[in-house]
N, C-alpha and C. Protein backbone atom coordinates (compact mmCIF):
# COMPACT_ATOMS: atom_id res chain seq x y z
N UNK A 1 163.00 5.94 -120.59
CA UNK A 1 163.71 7.20 -120.70
C UNK A 1 164.49 7.21 -122.02
N UNK A 2 164.52 8.36 -122.65
CA UNK A 2 165.31 8.54 -123.86
C UNK A 2 166.10 9.84 -123.73
N UNK A 3 167.00 10.05 -124.66
CA UNK A 3 167.80 11.28 -124.64
C UNK A 3 168.23 11.64 -126.05
N UNK A 4 168.65 12.88 -126.21
CA UNK A 4 169.30 13.34 -127.43
C UNK A 4 170.11 14.59 -127.09
N UNK A 5 170.80 15.08 -128.08
CA UNK A 5 171.53 16.34 -127.91
C UNK A 5 170.61 17.48 -128.29
N UNK A 6 170.68 18.57 -127.53
CA UNK A 6 169.89 19.75 -127.85
C UNK A 6 170.71 21.00 -127.57
N UNK A 7 170.45 22.03 -128.34
CA UNK A 7 171.04 23.33 -128.06
C UNK A 7 170.21 23.98 -126.96
N UNK A 8 170.91 24.53 -125.96
CA UNK A 8 170.22 25.24 -124.89
C UNK A 8 170.76 26.67 -124.83
N UNK A 9 169.86 27.58 -124.55
CA UNK A 9 170.19 29.00 -124.41
C UNK A 9 170.26 29.34 -122.93
N UNK A 10 171.33 30.01 -122.55
CA UNK A 10 171.51 30.44 -121.17
C UNK A 10 171.75 31.94 -121.13
N UNK A 11 171.50 32.53 -119.97
CA UNK A 11 171.77 33.95 -119.76
C UNK A 11 172.83 34.10 -118.69
N UNK A 12 173.88 34.85 -119.00
CA UNK A 12 174.93 35.14 -118.04
C UNK A 12 174.81 36.61 -117.65
N UNK A 13 174.88 36.89 -116.38
CA UNK A 13 174.71 38.27 -115.90
C UNK A 13 175.71 39.21 -116.55
N UNK A 14 176.96 38.77 -116.70
CA UNK A 14 178.00 39.64 -117.25
C UNK A 14 178.09 39.58 -118.77
N UNK A 15 177.96 38.40 -119.34
CA UNK A 15 178.20 38.22 -120.77
C UNK A 15 176.94 38.22 -121.63
N UNK A 16 175.78 38.03 -121.03
CA UNK A 16 174.54 37.99 -121.79
C UNK A 16 174.21 36.57 -122.25
N UNK A 17 173.51 36.48 -123.34
CA UNK A 17 173.02 35.21 -123.86
C UNK A 17 174.16 34.39 -124.47
N UNK A 18 174.13 33.04 -124.22
CA UNK A 18 175.06 32.13 -124.88
C UNK A 18 174.39 30.79 -125.06
N UNK A 19 174.96 29.94 -125.89
CA UNK A 19 174.36 28.65 -126.24
C UNK A 19 175.35 27.52 -125.98
N UNK A 20 174.82 26.36 -125.58
CA UNK A 20 175.62 25.16 -125.37
C UNK A 20 174.84 23.95 -125.88
N UNK A 21 175.56 22.93 -126.31
CA UNK A 21 174.92 21.65 -126.61
C UNK A 21 174.93 20.83 -125.34
N UNK A 22 173.78 20.29 -124.98
CA UNK A 22 173.61 19.49 -123.77
C UNK A 22 173.00 18.13 -124.13
N UNK A 23 173.19 17.15 -123.28
CA UNK A 23 172.44 15.91 -123.36
C UNK A 23 171.13 16.16 -122.63
N UNK A 24 170.01 15.96 -123.30
CA UNK A 24 168.69 16.21 -122.71
C UNK A 24 167.98 14.87 -122.56
N UNK A 25 167.40 14.67 -121.40
CA UNK A 25 166.71 13.42 -121.06
C UNK A 25 165.22 13.66 -120.97
N UNK A 26 164.46 12.65 -121.40
CA UNK A 26 163.00 12.75 -121.48
C UNK A 26 162.36 11.62 -120.67
N UNK A 27 161.21 11.92 -120.08
CA UNK A 27 160.40 10.91 -119.43
C UNK A 27 159.76 10.01 -120.48
N UNK A 28 159.18 8.92 -120.04
CA UNK A 28 158.54 7.99 -120.98
C UNK A 28 157.42 8.64 -121.78
N UNK A 29 156.78 9.65 -121.21
CA UNK A 29 155.70 10.34 -121.92
C UNK A 29 156.22 11.41 -122.88
N UNK A 30 157.55 11.55 -122.98
CA UNK A 30 158.15 12.53 -123.89
C UNK A 30 158.41 13.89 -123.26
N UNK A 31 157.98 14.09 -122.02
CA UNK A 31 158.21 15.37 -121.36
C UNK A 31 159.68 15.50 -120.95
N UNK A 32 160.12 16.73 -120.83
CA UNK A 32 161.50 16.99 -120.45
C UNK A 32 161.76 16.56 -119.02
N UNK A 33 162.88 15.87 -118.80
CA UNK A 33 163.22 15.42 -117.46
C UNK A 33 164.43 16.17 -116.90
N UNK A 34 165.49 16.33 -117.70
CA UNK A 34 166.69 16.99 -117.22
C UNK A 34 167.74 17.09 -118.30
N UNK A 35 168.88 17.68 -117.94
CA UNK A 35 169.97 17.82 -118.90
C UNK A 35 171.30 17.82 -118.17
N UNK A 36 172.36 17.55 -118.91
CA UNK A 36 173.72 17.58 -118.37
C UNK A 36 174.68 17.94 -119.49
N UNK A 37 175.94 18.15 -119.11
CA UNK A 37 176.96 18.47 -120.11
C UNK A 37 177.07 17.33 -121.11
N UNK A 38 177.29 17.68 -122.35
CA UNK A 38 177.45 16.69 -123.41
C UNK A 38 178.92 16.27 -123.49
N UNK A 39 179.13 14.98 -123.62
CA UNK A 39 180.48 14.45 -123.76
C UNK A 39 180.71 14.08 -125.22
N UNK A 40 181.81 14.53 -125.76
CA UNK A 40 182.16 14.20 -127.14
C UNK A 40 183.27 13.16 -127.07
N UNK A 41 182.88 11.89 -127.23
CA UNK A 41 183.86 10.81 -127.16
C UNK A 41 183.35 9.61 -127.94
N UNK A 42 184.25 8.69 -128.21
CA UNK A 42 183.89 7.46 -128.91
C UNK A 42 185.00 6.44 -128.74
N UNK A 43 184.66 5.18 -128.95
CA UNK A 43 185.63 4.11 -128.83
C UNK A 43 186.57 4.04 -130.03
N UNK A 44 186.26 4.81 -131.06
CA UNK A 44 187.09 4.87 -132.26
C UNK A 44 186.87 6.23 -132.90
N UNK A 45 187.71 6.55 -133.85
CA UNK A 45 187.54 7.81 -134.57
C UNK A 45 186.19 7.84 -135.28
N UNK A 46 185.78 6.71 -135.83
CA UNK A 46 184.49 6.62 -136.52
C UNK A 46 183.34 6.90 -135.56
N UNK A 47 183.39 6.34 -134.36
CA UNK A 47 182.34 6.59 -133.36
C UNK A 47 182.33 8.05 -132.95
N UNK A 48 183.50 8.65 -132.81
CA UNK A 48 183.58 10.07 -132.46
C UNK A 48 182.93 10.93 -133.54
N UNK A 49 183.19 10.62 -134.78
CA UNK A 49 182.57 11.35 -135.89
C UNK A 49 181.06 11.15 -135.88
N UNK A 50 180.60 9.94 -135.56
CA UNK A 50 179.16 9.67 -135.46
C UNK A 50 178.51 10.56 -134.39
N UNK A 51 179.18 10.70 -133.24
CA UNK A 51 178.65 11.56 -132.17
C UNK A 51 178.58 13.01 -132.64
N UNK A 52 179.62 13.48 -133.29
CA UNK A 52 179.61 14.85 -133.80
C UNK A 52 178.50 15.07 -134.83
N UNK A 53 178.28 14.08 -135.69
CA UNK A 53 177.20 14.19 -136.67
C UNK A 53 175.84 14.19 -135.99
N UNK A 54 175.68 13.39 -134.93
CA UNK A 54 174.41 13.38 -134.19
C UNK A 54 174.18 14.75 -133.56
N UNK A 55 175.23 15.34 -132.99
CA UNK A 55 175.10 16.68 -132.41
C UNK A 55 174.70 17.70 -133.47
N UNK A 56 175.31 17.59 -134.64
CA UNK A 56 174.99 18.53 -135.72
C UNK A 56 173.54 18.40 -136.15
N UNK A 57 173.06 17.17 -136.29
CA UNK A 57 171.66 16.93 -136.66
C UNK A 57 170.72 17.47 -135.59
N UNK A 58 171.01 17.14 -134.33
CA UNK A 58 170.14 17.56 -133.22
C UNK A 58 170.17 19.07 -133.00
N UNK A 59 171.23 19.74 -133.44
CA UNK A 59 171.34 21.20 -133.26
C UNK A 59 170.27 21.96 -134.05
N UNK A 60 169.61 21.29 -135.00
CA UNK A 60 168.57 21.95 -135.81
C UNK A 60 167.19 21.87 -135.15
N UNK A 61 167.10 21.19 -134.01
CA UNK A 61 165.83 21.14 -133.27
C UNK A 61 165.65 22.44 -132.51
N UNK A 62 164.46 22.67 -131.98
CA UNK A 62 164.20 23.92 -131.27
C UNK A 62 165.14 24.07 -130.07
N UNK A 63 165.48 25.32 -129.79
CA UNK A 63 166.38 25.64 -128.69
C UNK A 63 165.60 25.57 -127.38
N UNK A 64 166.21 24.97 -126.37
CA UNK A 64 165.60 24.86 -125.05
C UNK A 64 166.26 25.84 -124.09
N UNK A 65 165.57 26.15 -123.00
CA UNK A 65 166.09 27.00 -121.93
C UNK A 65 165.92 26.26 -120.61
N UNK A 66 166.72 26.58 -119.61
CA UNK A 66 166.60 25.88 -118.32
C UNK A 66 165.19 25.91 -117.74
N UNK A 67 164.48 27.00 -117.93
CA UNK A 67 163.12 27.08 -117.37
C UNK A 67 162.15 26.12 -118.03
N UNK A 68 162.50 25.58 -119.19
CA UNK A 68 161.65 24.58 -119.83
C UNK A 68 161.58 23.30 -119.00
N UNK A 69 162.51 23.12 -118.08
CA UNK A 69 162.57 21.92 -117.27
C UNK A 69 161.91 22.07 -115.91
N UNK A 70 161.49 23.26 -115.57
CA UNK A 70 160.86 23.49 -114.27
C UNK A 70 159.45 22.92 -114.27
N UNK A 71 159.16 22.17 -113.25
CA UNK A 71 157.82 21.56 -113.14
C UNK A 71 156.89 22.47 -112.35
N UNK A 72 155.63 22.36 -112.65
CA UNK A 72 154.59 23.06 -111.90
C UNK A 72 154.50 22.43 -110.53
N UNK A 73 154.63 23.24 -109.46
CA UNK A 73 154.61 22.71 -108.10
C UNK A 73 153.26 22.10 -107.73
N UNK A 74 152.23 22.37 -108.51
CA UNK A 74 150.92 21.79 -108.20
C UNK A 74 150.79 20.35 -108.72
N UNK A 75 151.78 19.86 -109.50
CA UNK A 75 151.74 18.49 -110.01
C UNK A 75 152.02 17.48 -108.91
């Protein structure tokens, strides 16, 4: 399993479209497995800056949506 930060697009009934950075997890074959809230923390200021830089780099990857994680029930 691997993971990275990704921007995800969500739809809110009242507010409309919005974006969040999430931690996204992948299966060994590279397929999407799941996501959770991203934590911005580090054991030092330098580590915290490293996490923020990783988020900034990963934010340039394609935007994901929750439905990208839904599996085909026939699998």
